[in-house]
């Protein structure tokens, strides 16, 4: 009996899904904060602090470091037993928020590391 090609390839597709992050940034006249992030992977969606700088994210299983460089629109992250992986800001859209000030929703997609 032959298995349909789709049945054989379907499990492999989930392995190729790149991680990405969605971030809501809230700004006022003094500063911006990007602590309201959501990390998306093939294993689920997790809360993450996406503010500038490096940190150890407690809520993403296996991730022990994420570094965000908002000025350059890039970042990198480290999982246990993996090489450095990188992010690039690929989307940045303003939206109306209840807070005084302004808000944007950005998407950070996994890309090949070039830095």
PDB file of N, CA and C in Angstrom:
ATOM      1  N   UNK A   1       0.845  -1.173   0.000  1.00  0.00           N
ATOM      2  CA  UNK A   1       0.000   0.000   0.000  1.00  0.00           C
ATOM      3  C   UNK A   1       0.891   1.237   0.000  1.00  0.00           C
ATOM      4  N   UNK A   2       0.567   2.202  -0.849  1.00  0.00           N
ATOM      5  CA  UNK A   2       1.356   3.435  -0.934  1.00  0.00           C
ATOM      6  C   UNK A   2       0.694   4.532  -0.119  1.00  0.00           C
ATOM      7  N   UNK A   3       1.496   5.280   0.612  1.00  0.00           N
ATOM      8  CA  UNK A   3       0.981   6.422   1.363  1.00  0.00           C
ATOM      9  C   UNK A   3       0.895   7.629   0.444  1.00  0.00           C
ATOM     10  N   UNK A   4      -0.153   8.405   0.555  1.00  0.00           N
ATOM     11  CA  UNK A   4      -0.209   9.636  -0.234  1.00  0.00           C
ATOM     12  C   UNK A   4       0.957  10.554   0.141  1.00  0.00           C
ATOM     13  N   UNK A   5       1.466  11.268  -0.847  1.00  0.00           N
ATOM     14  CA  UNK A   5       2.603  12.169  -0.630  1.00  0.00           C
ATOM     15  C   UNK A   5       2.316  13.179   0.469  1.00  0.00           C
ATOM     16  N   UNK A   6       1.115  13.716   0.492  1.00  0.00           N
ATOM     17  CA  UNK A   6       0.759  14.719   1.499  1.00  0.00           C
ATOM     18  C   UNK A   6       0.880  14.150   2.910  1.00  0.00           C
ATOM     19  N   UNK A   7       0.461  12.918   3.109  1.00  0.00           N
ATOM     20  CA  UNK A   7       0.543  12.301   4.434  1.00  0.00           C
ATOM     21  C   UNK A   7       1.987  12.136   4.889  1.00  0.00           C
ATOM     22  N   UNK A   8       2.881  11.908   3.959  1.00  0.00           N
ATOM     23  CA  UNK A   8       4.294  11.742   4.292  1.00  0.00           C
ATOM     24  C   UNK A   8       4.949  13.086   4.578  1.00  0.00           C
ATOM     25  N   UNK A   9       4.593  14.113   3.808  1.00  0.00           N
ATOM     26  CA  UNK A   9       5.242  15.421   3.936  1.00  0.00           C
ATOM     27  C   UNK A   9       4.649  16.298   5.028  1.00  0.00           C
ATOM     28  N   UNK A  10       3.413  16.095   5.411  1.00  0.00           N
ATOM     29  CA  UNK A  10       2.750  16.964   6.387  1.00  0.00           C
ATOM     30  C   UNK A  10       3.523  17.108   7.695  1.00  0.00           C
ATOM     31  N   UNK A  11       4.036  16.029   8.301  1.00  0.00           N
ATOM     32  CA  UNK A  11       4.794  16.210   9.551  1.00  0.00           C
ATOM     33  C   UNK A  11       6.065  17.034   9.366  1.00  0.00           C
ATOM     34  N   UNK A  12       6.645  17.018   8.190  1.00  0.00           N
ATOM     35  CA  UNK A  12       7.870  17.780   7.954  1.00  0.00           C
ATOM     36  C   UNK A  12       7.612  19.271   7.855  1.00  0.00           C
ATOM     37  N   UNK A  13       6.419  19.656   7.428  1.00  0.00           N
ATOM     38  CA  UNK A  13       6.094  21.071   7.278  1.00  0.00           C
ATOM     39  C   UNK A  13       6.169  21.774   8.617  1.00  0.00           C
ATOM     40  N   UNK A  14       5.684  21.157   9.683  1.00  0.00           N
ATOM     41  CA  UNK A  14       5.712  21.807  10.991  1.00  0.00           C
ATOM     42  C   UNK A  14       7.134  22.023  11.481  1.00  0.00           C
ATOM     43  N   UNK A  15       8.076  21.212  11.028  1.00  0.00           N
ATOM     44  CA  UNK A  15       9.467  21.393  11.434  1.00  0.00           C
ATOM     45  C   UNK A  15      10.090  22.619  10.785  1.00  0.00           C
ATOM     46  N   UNK A  16       9.561  23.050   9.652  1.00  0.00           N
ATOM     47  CA  UNK A  16      10.150  24.154   8.911  1.00  0.00           C
ATOM     48  C   UNK A  16       9.559  25.510   9.286  1.00  0.00           C
ATOM     49  N   UNK A  17       8.573  25.542  10.159  1.00  0.00           N
ATOM     50  CA  UNK A  17       7.937  26.795  10.541  1.00  0.00           C
ATOM     51  C   UNK A  17       8.907  27.612  11.386  1.00  0.00           C
ATOM     52  N   UNK A  18       9.175  28.820  10.948  1.00  0.00           N
ATOM     53  CA  UNK A  18      10.094  29.693  11.686  1.00  0.00           C
ATOM     54  C   UNK A  18       9.361  30.357  12.844  1.00  0.00           C
ATOM     55  N   UNK A  19      10.096  30.623  13.908  1.00  0.00           N
ATOM     56  CA  UNK A  19       9.537  31.354  15.034  1.00  0.00           C
ATOM     57  C   UNK A  19       9.380  32.816  14.645  1.00  0.00           C
ATOM     58  N   UNK A  20       8.429  33.488  15.294  1.00  0.00           N
ATOM     59  CA  UNK A  20       8.273  34.924  15.104  1.00  0.00           C
ATOM     60  C   UNK A  20       7.673  35.519  16.369  1.00  0.00           C
ATOM     61  N   UNK A  21       7.701  36.835  16.445  1.00  0.00           N
ATOM     62  CA  UNK A  21       7.234  37.530  17.631  1.00  0.00           C
ATOM     63  C   UNK A  21       6.360  38.703  17.212  1.00  0.00           C
ATOM     64  N   UNK A  22       5.254  38.898  17.920  1.00  0.00           N
ATOM     65  CA  UNK A  22       4.400  40.067  17.739  1.00  0.00           C
ATOM     66  C   UNK A  22       4.556  40.932  18.985  1.00  0.00           C
ATOM     67  N   UNK A  23       4.720  42.234  18.776  1.00  0.00           N
ATOM     68  CA  UNK A  23       4.970  43.133  19.901  1.00  0.00           C
ATOM     69  C   UNK A  23       4.050  44.343  19.814  1.00  0.00           C
ATOM     70  N   UNK A  24       3.400  44.663  20.924  1.00  0.00           N
ATOM     71  CA  UNK A  24       2.644  45.904  21.038  1.00  0.00           C
ATOM     72  C   UNK A  24       3.516  46.895  21.791  1.00  0.00           C
ATOM     73  N   UNK A  25       3.774  48.036  21.165  1.00  0.00           N
ATOM     74  CA  UNK A  25       4.608  49.072  21.772  1.00  0.00           C
ATOM     75  C   UNK A  25       3.733  50.266  22.125  1.00  0.00           C
ATOM     76  N   UNK A  26       3.860  50.743  23.352  1.00  0.00           N
ATOM     77  CA  UNK A  26       3.106  51.886  23.841  1.00  0.00           C
ATOM     78  C   UNK A  26       4.068  53.040  24.095  1.00  0.00           C
ATOM     79  N   UNK A  27       3.796  54.197  23.506  1.00  0.00           N
ATOM     80  CA  UNK A  27       4.684  55.361  23.645  1.00  0.00           C
ATOM     81  C   UNK A  27       3.920  56.558  24.186  1.00  0.00           C
ATOM     82  N   UNK A  28       4.638  57.396  24.940  1.00  0.00           N
ATOM     83  CA  UNK A  28       4.128  58.707  25.336  1.00  0.00           C
ATOM     84  C   UNK A  28       5.228  59.713  25.045  1.00  0.00           C
ATOM     85  N   UNK A  29       5.110  60.919  25.551  1.00  0.00           N
ATOM     86  CA  UNK A  29       6.114  61.952  25.252  1.00  0.00           C
ATOM     87  C   UNK A  29       7.485  61.643  25.824  1.00  0.00           C
ATOM     88  N   UNK A  30       7.561  60.744  26.795  1.00  0.00           N
ATOM     89  CA  UNK A  30       8.819  60.492  27.486  1.00  0.00           C
ATOM     90  C   UNK A  30       9.542  59.221  27.039  1.00  0.00           C
ATOM     91  N   UNK A  31       8.804  58.164  26.779  1.00  0.00           N
ATOM     92  CA  UNK A  31       9.450  56.878  26.470  1.00  0.00           C
ATOM     93  C   UNK A  31       8.465  55.917  25.810  1.00  0.00           C
ATOM     94  N   UNK A  32       9.017  54.826  25.320  1.00  0.00           N
ATOM     95  CA  UNK A  32       8.214  53.733  24.759  1.00  0.00           C
ATOM     96  C   UNK A  32       8.505  52.463  25.552  1.00  0.00           C
ATOM     97  N   UNK A  33       7.511  51.594  25.633  1.00  0.00           N
ATOM     98  CA  UNK A  33       7.718  50.300  26.274  1.00  0.00           C
ATOM     99  C   UNK A  33       7.176  49.196  25.372  1.00  0.00           C
ATOM    100  N   UNK A  34       7.926  48.110  25.291  1.00  0.00           N
ATOM    101  CA  UNK A  34       7.565  46.982  24.424  1.00  0.00           C
ATOM    102  C   UNK A  34       7.545  45.678  25.212  1.00  0.00           C
ATOM    103  N   UNK A  35       7.037  45.744  26.435  1.00  0.00           N
ATOM    104  CA  UNK A  35       7.035  44.547  27.280  1.00  0.00           C
ATOM    105  C   UNK A  35       5.911  43.576  26.916  1.00  0.00           C
ATOM    106  N   UNK A  36       4.969  44.023  26.103  1.00  0.00           N
ATOM    107  CA  UNK A  36       3.802  43.208  25.773  1.00  0.00           C
ATOM    108  C   UNK A  36       4.013  42.451  24.464  1.00  0.00           C
ATOM    109  N   UNK A  37       4.846  41.415  24.498  1.00  0.00           N
ATOM    110  CA  UNK A  37       5.131  40.635  23.298  1.00  0.00           C
ATOM    111  C   UNK A  37       4.566  39.230  23.384  1.00  0.00           C
ATOM    112  N   UNK A  38       4.377  38.612  22.215  1.00  0.00           N
ATOM    113  CA  UNK A  38       3.922  37.225  22.124  1.00  0.00           C
ATOM    114  C   UNK A  38       4.878  36.471  21.214  1.00  0.00           C
ATOM    115  N   UNK A  39       5.507  35.431  21.732  1.00  0.00           N
ATOM    116  CA  UNK A  39       6.441  34.595  20.981  1.00  0.00           C
ATOM    117  C   UNK A  39       5.658  33.427  20.391  1.00  0.00           C
ATOM    118  N   UNK A  40       5.760  33.237  19.076  1.00  0.00           N
ATOM    119  CA  UNK A  40       5.044  32.160  18.389  1.00  0.00           C
ATOM    120  C   UNK A  40       6.047  31.140  17.862  1.00  0.00           C
ATOM    121  N   UNK A  41       5.807  29.876  18.177  1.00  0.00           N
ATOM    122  CA  UNK A  41       6.660  28.801  17.666  1.00  0.00           C
ATOM    123  C   UNK A  41       5.778  27.601  17.343  1.00  0.00           C
ATOM    124  N   UNK A  42       6.380  26.579  16.818  1.00  0.00           N
ATOM    125  CA  UNK A  42       5.646  25.357  16.534  1.00  0.00           C
ATOM    126  C   UNK A  42       5.147  24.661  17.787  1.00  0.00           C
ATOM    127  N   UNK A  43       5.599  25.112  18.961  1.00  0.00           N
ATOM    128  CA  UNK A  43       5.229  24.488  20.228  1.00  0.00           C
ATOM    129  C   UNK A  43       4.199  25.284  21.010  1.00  0.00           C
ATOM    130  N   UNK A  44       3.836  26.472  20.535  1.00  0.00           N
ATOM    131  CA  UNK A  44       2.853  27.276  21.237  1.00  0.00           C
ATOM    132  C   UNK A  44       3.171  28.760  21.167  1.00  0.00           C
ATOM    133  N   UNK A  45       2.405  29.527  21.923  1.00  0.00           N
ATOM    134  CA  UNK A  45       2.553  30.978  21.987  1.00  0.00           C
ATOM    135  C   UNK A  45       2.801  31.364  23.437  1.00  0.00           C
ATOM    136  N   UNK A  46       3.780  32.251  23.652  1.00  0.00           N
ATOM    137  CA  UNK A  46       4.216  32.584  25.009  1.00  0.00           C
ATOM    138  C   UNK A  46       4.402  34.091  25.157  1.00  0.00           C
ATOM    139  N   UNK A  47       4.180  34.599  26.364  1.00  0.00           N
ATOM    140  CA  UNK A  47       4.437  36.011  26.664  1.00  0.00           C
ATOM    141  C   UNK A  47       5.938  36.248  26.708  1.00  0.00           C
ATOM    142  N   UNK A  48       6.354  37.433  26.230  1.00  0.00           N
ATOM    143  CA  UNK A  48       7.779  37.765  26.255  1.00  0.00           C
ATOM    144  C   UNK A  48       7.953  39.274  26.372  1.00  0.00           C
ATOM    145  N   UNK A  49       8.941  39.684  27.128  1.00  0.00           N
ATOM    146  CA  UNK A  49       9.333  41.089  27.247  1.00  0.00           C
ATOM    147  C   UNK A  49      10.248  41.395  26.065  1.00  0.00           C
ATOM    148  N   UNK A  50       9.811  42.286  25.181  1.00  0.00           N
ATOM    149  CA  UNK A  50      10.583  42.595  23.975  1.00  0.00           C
ATOM    150  C   UNK A  50      11.231  43.976  24.038  1.00  0.00           C
ATOM    151  N   UNK A  51      11.420  44.511  25.229  1.00  0.00           N
ATOM    152  CA  UNK A  51      12.076  45.810  25.363  1.00  0.00           C
ATOM    153  C   UNK A  51      13.523  45.749  24.884  1.00  0.00           C
ATOM    154  N   UNK A  52      14.086  46.899  24.634  1.00  0.00           N
ATOM    155  CA  UNK A  52      15.489  47.046  24.213  1.00  0.00           C
ATOM    156  C   UNK A  52      16.418  46.323  25.185  1.00  0.00           C
ATOM    157  N   UNK A  53      17.445  45.691  24.656  1.00  0.00           N
ATOM    158  CA  UNK A  53      18.456  45.047  25.489  1.00  0.00           C
ATOM    159  C   UNK A  53      18.294  43.540  25.562  1.00  0.00           C
ATOM    160  N   UNK A  54      19.090  42.932  26.442  1.00  0.00           N
ATOM    161  CA  UNK A  54      19.120  41.468  26.576  1.00  0.00           C
ATOM    162  C   UNK A  54      18.479  41.037  27.889  1.00  0.00           C
ATOM    163  N   UNK A  55      17.881  39.851  27.849  1.00  0.00           N
ATOM    164  CA  UNK A  55      17.258  39.305  29.052  1.00  0.00           C
ATOM    165  C   UNK A  55      17.100  37.799  28.916  1.00  0.00           C
ATOM    166  N   UNK A  56      16.800  37.167  30.028  1.00  0.00           N
ATOM    167  CA  UNK A  56      16.488  35.740  30.067  1.00  0.00           C
ATOM    168  C   UNK A  56      14.969  35.625  30.160  1.00  0.00           C
ATOM    169  N   UNK A  57      14.294  35.223  29.085  1.00  0.00           N
ATOM    170  CA  UNK A  57      12.823  35.177  29.112  1.00  0.00           C
ATOM    171  C   UNK A  57      12.307  33.963  29.893  1.00  0.00           C
ATOM    172  N   UNK A  58      11.596  34.176  30.997  1.00  0.00           N
ATOM    173  CA  UNK A  58      11.178  33.056  31.835  1.00  0.00           C
ATOM    174  C   UNK A  58      10.031  32.222  31.270  1.00  0.00           C
ATOM    175  N   UNK A  59       9.249  32.770  30.337  1.00  0.00           N
ATOM    176  CA  UNK A  59       8.034  32.081  29.898  1.00  0.00           C
ATOM    177  C   UNK A  59       8.173  31.270  28.616  1.00  0.00           C
ATOM    178  N   UNK A  60       9.295  31.383  27.896  1.00  0.00           N
ATOM    179  CA  UNK A  60       9.473  30.641  26.643  1.00  0.00           C
ATOM    180  C   UNK A  60      10.337  29.411  26.935  1.00  0.00           C
ATOM    181  N   UNK A  61       9.755  28.215  26.891  1.00  0.00           N
ATOM    182  CA  UNK A  61      10.513  27.000  27.229  1.00  0.00           C
ATOM    183  C   UNK A  61      11.748  26.817  26.348  1.00  0.00           C
ATOM    184  N   UNK A  62      12.889  26.576  26.991  1.00  0.00           N
ATOM    185  CA  UNK A  62      14.132  26.319  26.270  1.00  0.00           C
ATOM    186  C   UNK A  62      14.905  27.552  25.859  1.00  0.00           C
ATOM    187  N   UNK A  63      14.260  28.728  25.814  1.00  0.00           N
ATOM    188  CA  UNK A  63      14.970  29.957  25.438  1.00  0.00           C
ATOM    189  C   UNK A  63      15.669  30.499  26.675  1.00  0.00           C
ATOM    190  N   UNK A  64      16.962  30.768  26.546  1.00  0.00           N
ATOM    191  CA  UNK A  64      17.669  31.313  27.702  1.00  0.00           C
ATOM    192  C   UNK A  64      18.208  32.715  27.466  1.00  0.00           C
ATOM    193  N   UNK A  65      18.003  33.281  26.278  1.00  0.00           N
ATOM    194  CA  UNK A  65      18.471  34.642  26.036  1.00  0.00           C
ATOM    195  C   UNK A  65      17.764  35.215  24.822  1.00  0.00           C
ATOM    196  N   UNK A  66      17.346  36.486  24.941  1.00  0.00           N
ATOM    197  CA  UNK A  66      16.861  37.241  23.789  1.00  0.00           C
ATOM    198  C   UNK A  66      17.421  38.646  23.909  1.00  0.00           C
ATOM    199  N   UNK A  67      17.915  39.177  22.813  1.00  0.00           N
ATOM    200  CA  UNK A  67      18.471  40.527  22.774  1.00  0.00           C
ATOM    201  C   UNK A  67      17.778  41.297  21.659  1.00  0.00           C
ATOM    202  N   UNK A  68      17.235  42.470  22.005  1.00  0.00           N
ATOM    203  CA  UNK A  68      16.501  43.283  21.040  1.00  0.00           C
ATOM    204  C   UNK A  68      17.243  44.589  20.790  1.00  0.00           C
ATOM    205  N   UNK A  69      17.409  44.933  19.527  1.00  0.00           N
ATOM    206  CA  UNK A  69      18.019  46.193  19.099  1.00  0.00           C
ATOM    207  C   UNK A  69      16.972  46.928  18.265  1.00  0.00           C
ATOM    208  N   UNK A  70      16.142  47.713  18.939  1.00  0.00           N
ATOM    209  CA  UNK A  70      15.030  48.386  18.270  1.00  0.00           C
ATOM    210  C   UNK A  70      15.514  49.415  17.259  1.00  0.00           C
ATOM    211  N   UNK A  71      16.581  50.115  17.571  1.00  0.00           N
ATOM    212  CA  UNK A  71      17.084  51.146  16.652  1.00  0.00           C
ATOM    213  C   UNK A  71      17.464  50.540  15.301  1.00  0.00           C
ATOM    214  N   UNK A  72      18.068  49.361  15.306  1.00  0.00           N
ATOM    215  CA  UNK A  72      18.475  48.688  14.065  1.00  0.00           C
ATOM    216  C   UNK A  72      17.392  47.760  13.514  1.00  0.00           C
ATOM    217  N   UNK A  73      16.310  47.563  14.267  1.00  0.00           N
ATOM    218  CA  UNK A  73      15.229  46.692  13.812  1.00  0.00           C
ATOM    219  C   UNK A  73      15.627  45.230  13.731  1.00  0.00           C
ATOM    220  N   UNK A  74      16.459  44.794  14.678  1.00  0.00           N
ATOM    221  CA  UNK A  74      16.908  43.402  14.659  1.00  0.00           C
ATOM    222  C   UNK A  74      17.092  42.885  16.081  1.00  0.00           C
ATOM    223  N   UNK A  75      17.233  41.581  16.183  1.00  0.00           N
ATOM    224  CA  UNK A  75      17.459  40.948  17.471  1.00  0.00           C
ATOM    225  C   UNK A  75      18.005  39.550  17.258  1.00  0.00           C
ATOM    226  N   UNK A  76      18.376  38.918  18.356  1.00  0.00           N
ATOM    227  CA  UNK A  76      18.791  37.516  18.277  1.00  0.00           C
ATOM    228  C   UNK A  76      18.344  36.804  19.547  1.00  0.00           C
ATOM    229  N   UNK A  77      18.286  35.488  19.454  1.00  0.00           N
ATOM    230  CA  UNK A  77      17.838  34.698  20.594  1.00  0.00           C
ATOM    231  C   UNK A  77      18.569  33.372  20.612  1.00  0.00           C
ATOM    232  N   UNK A  78      18.608  32.776  21.800  1.00  0.00           N
ATOM    233  CA  UNK A  78      19.328  31.518  22.001  1.00  0.00           C
ATOM    234  C   UNK A  78      18.434  30.515  22.717  1.00  0.00           C
ATOM    235  N   UNK A  79      18.368  29.312  22.151  1.00  0.00           N
ATOM    236  CA  UNK A  79      17.691  28.186  22.777  1.00  0.00           C
ATOM    237  C   UNK A  79      18.747  27.179  23.201  1.00  0.00           C
ATOM    238  N   UNK A  80      18.402  26.365  24.179  1.00  0.00           N
ATOM    239  CA  UNK A  80      19.304  25.292  24.611  1.00  0.00           C
ATOM    240  C   UNK A  80      19.738  24.444  23.420  1.00  0.00           C
ATOM    241  N   UNK A  81      21.033  24.159  23.335  1.00  0.00           N
ATOM    242  CA  UNK A  81      21.616  23.272  22.326  1.00  0.00           C
ATOM    243  C   UNK A  81      21.341  23.705  20.884  1.00  0.00           C
ATOM    244  N   UNK A  82      21.246  25.018  20.645  1.00  0.00           N
ATOM    245  CA  UNK A  82      21.069  25.536  19.286  1.00  0.00           C
ATOM    246  C   UNK A  82      22.020  26.700  19.055  1.00  0.00           C
ATOM    247  N   UNK A  83      22.339  26.942  17.798  1.00  0.00           N
ATOM    248  CA  UNK A  83      23.143  28.111  17.433  1.00  0.00           C
ATOM    249  C   UNK A  83      22.281  29.371  17.566  1.00  0.00           C
ATOM    250  N   UNK A  84      22.943  30.510  17.574  1.00  0.00           N
ATOM    251  CA  UNK A  84      22.247  31.793  17.629  1.00  0.00           C
ATOM    252  C   UNK A  84      21.275  31.892  16.456  1.00  0.00           C
ATOM    253  N   UNK A  85      20.076  32.369  16.739  1.00  0.00           N
ATOM    254  CA  UNK A  85      19.061  32.597  15.707  1.00  0.00           C
ATOM    255  C   UNK A  85      18.683  34.065  15.747  1.00  0.00           C
ATOM    256  N   UNK A  86      18.253  34.618  14.608  1.00  0.00           N
ATOM    257  CA  UNK A  86      18.067  36.067  14.501  1.00  0.00           C
ATOM    258  C   UNK A  86      16.661  36.462  14.068  1.00  0.00           C
ATOM    259  N   UNK A  87      16.322  37.695  14.412  1.00  0.00           N
ATOM    260  CA  UNK A  87      15.036  38.300  14.077  1.00  0.00           C
ATOM    261  C   UNK A  87      15.262  39.615  13.351  1.00  0.00           C
ATOM    262  N   UNK A  88      14.318  39.958  12.496  1.00  0.00           N
ATOM    263  CA  UNK A  88      14.317  41.266  11.828  1.00  0.00           C
ATOM    264  C   UNK A  88      12.879  41.785  11.892  1.00  0.00           C
ATOM    265  N   UNK A  89      12.720  43.084  12.177  1.00  0.00           N
ATOM    266  CA  UNK A  89      11.383  43.670  12.197  1.00  0.00           C
ATOM    267  C   UNK A  89      10.866  43.716  10.769  1.00  0.00           C
ATOM    268  N   UNK A  90       9.754  43.024  10.505  1.00  0.00           N
ATOM    269  CA  UNK A  90       9.234  42.921   9.144  1.00  0.00           C
ATOM    270  C   UNK A  90       7.917  43.657   8.959  1.00  0.00           C
ATOM    271  N   UNK A  91       7.335  44.105  10.048  1.00  0.00           N
ATOM    272  CA  UNK A  91       6.065  44.809   9.968  1.00  0.00           C
ATOM    273  C   UNK A  91       5.980  45.765  11.149  1.00  0.00           C
ATOM    274  N   UNK A  92       5.436  46.945  10.924  1.00  0.00           N
ATOM    275  CA  UNK A  92       5.292  47.936  11.995  1.00  0.00           C
ATOM    276  C   UNK A  92       4.092  48.807  11.649  1.00  0.00           C
ATOM    277  N   UNK A  93       2.971  48.595  12.340  1.00  0.00           N
ATOM    278  CA  UNK A  93       1.738  49.306  12.006  1.00  0.00           C
ATOM    279  C   UNK A  93       1.206  50.050  13.223  1.00  0.00           C
ATOM    280  N   UNK A  94       0.901  51.342  13.051  1.00  0.00           N
ATOM    281  CA  UNK A  94       0.288  52.084  14.157  1.00  0.00           C
ATOM    282  C   UNK A  94      -1.165  51.635  14.352  1.00  0.00           C
ATOM    283  N   UNK A  95      -1.644  51.747  15.576  1.00  0.00           N
ATOM    284  CA  UNK A  95      -3.056  51.477  15.842  1.00  0.00           C
ATOM    285  C   UNK A  95      -3.528  52.377  16.971  1.00  0.00           C
ATOM    286  N   UNK A  96      -4.813  52.560  17.038  1.00  0.00           N
ATOM    287  CA  UNK A  96      -5.408  53.417  18.061  1.00  0.00           C
ATOM    288  C   UNK A  96      -5.453  52.645  19.376  1.00  0.00           C
ATOM    289  N   UNK A  97      -4.934  53.272  20.412  1.00  0.00           N
ATOM    290  CA  UNK A  97      -4.954  52.630  21.726  1.00  0.00           C
ATOM    291  C   UNK A  97      -5.599  53.564  22.740  1.00  0.00           C
ATOM    292  N   UNK A  98      -6.001  53.003  23.861  1.00  0.00           N
ATOM    293  CA  UNK A  98      -6.684  53.780  24.892  1.00  0.00           C
ATOM    294  C   UNK A  98      -5.736  54.662  25.691  1.00  0.00           C
ATOM    295  N   UNK A  99      -4.472  54.262  25.752  1.00  0.00           N
ATOM    296  CA  UNK A  99      -3.498  55.033  26.521  1.00  0.00           C
ATOM    297  C   UNK A  99      -3.256  56.380  25.850  1.00  0.00           C
ATOM    298  N   UNK A 100      -2.963  57.425  26.647  1.00  0.00           N
ATOM    299  CA  UNK A 100      -2.529  58.666  26.001  1.00  0.00           C
ATOM    300  C   UNK A 100      -1.187  58.405  25.329  1.00  0.00           C
ATOM    301  N   UNK A 101      -1.017  58.896  24.151  1.00  0.00           N
ATOM    302  CA  UNK A 101       0.203  58.635  23.395  1.00  0.00           C
ATOM    303  C   UNK A 101      -0.138  57.902  22.119  1.00  0.00           C
ATOM    304  N   UNK A 102       0.725  56.996  21.699  1.00  0.00           N
ATOM    305  CA  UNK A 102       0.488  56.252  20.461  1.00  0.00           C
ATOM    306  C   UNK A 102       0.991  54.828  20.622  1.00  0.00           C
ATOM    307  N   UNK A 103       0.477  53.966  19.766  1.00  0.00           N
ATOM    308  CA  UNK A 103       0.801  52.545  19.846  1.00  0.00           C
ATOM    309  C   UNK A 103       1.143  51.995  18.466  1.00  0.00           C
ATOM    310  N   UNK A 104       2.009  51.002  18.443  1.00  0.00           N
ATOM    311  CA  UNK A 104       2.307  50.283  17.204  1.00  0.00           C
ATOM    312  C   UNK A 104       2.315  48.782  17.494  1.00  0.00           C
ATOM    313  N   UNK A 105       1.992  48.029  16.476  1.00  0.00           N
ATOM    314  CA  UNK A 105       2.079  46.567  16.540  1.00  0.00           C
ATOM    315  C   UNK A 105       3.118  46.150  15.513  1.00  0.00           C
ATOM    316  N   UNK A 106       4.158  45.476  15.967  1.00  0.00           N
ATOM    317  CA  UNK A 106       5.218  45.054  15.050  1.00  0.00           C
ATOM    318  C   UNK A 106       5.331  43.537  15.036  1.00  0.00           C
ATOM    319  N   UNK A 107       5.828  43.047  13.915  1.00  0.00           N
ATOM    320  CA  UNK A 107       6.108  41.622  13.760  1.00  0.00           C
ATOM    321  C   UNK A 107       7.599  41.483  13.522  1.00  0.00           C
ATOM    322  N   UNK A 108       8.221  40.583  14.247  1.00  0.00           N
ATOM    323  CA  UNK A 108       9.646  40.286  14.132  1.00  0.00           C
ATOM    324  C   UNK A 108       9.761  38.854  13.635  1.00  0.00           C
ATOM    325  N   UNK A 109      10.290  38.687  12.440  1.00  0.00           N
ATOM    326  CA  UNK A 109      10.370  37.377  11.800  1.00  0.00           C
ATOM    327  C   UNK A 109      11.777  36.815  11.879  1.00  0.00           C
ATOM    328  N   UNK A 110      11.858  35.494  11.966  1.00  0.00           N
ATOM    329  CA  UNK A 110      13.167  34.845  11.990  1.00  0.00           C
ATOM    330  C   UNK A 110      13.819  34.947  10.617  1.00  0.00           C
ATOM    331  N   UNK A 111      15.085  35.349  10.612  1.00  0.00           N
ATOM    332  CA  UNK A 111      15.874  35.492   9.383  1.00  0.00           C
ATOM    333  C   UNK A 111      17.242  34.849   9.610  1.00  0.00           C
ATOM    334  N   UNK A 112      17.974  34.671   8.527  1.00  0.00           N
ATOM    335  CA  UNK A 112      19.350  34.180   8.653  1.00  0.00           C
ATOM    336  C   UNK A 112      20.183  35.231   9.381  1.00  0.00           C
ATOM    337  N   UNK A 113      21.050  34.804  10.270  1.00  0.00           N
ATOM    338  CA  UNK A 113      21.896  35.741  11.016  1.00  0.00           C
ATOM    339  C   UNK A 113      22.994  36.295  10.116  1.00  0.00           C
ATOM    340  N   UNK A 114      23.069  37.618  10.078  1.00  0.00           N
ATOM    341  CA  UNK A 114      24.119  38.281   9.297  1.00  0.00           C
ATOM    342  C   UNK A 114      24.876  39.274  10.176  1.00  0.00           C
ATOM    343  N   UNK A 115      24.710  39.167  11.487  1.00  0.00           N
ATOM    344  CA  UNK A 115      25.392  40.057  12.426  1.00  0.00           C
ATOM    345  C   UNK A 115      25.817  39.295  13.650  1.00  0.00           C
TER     346      UNK A 115
END
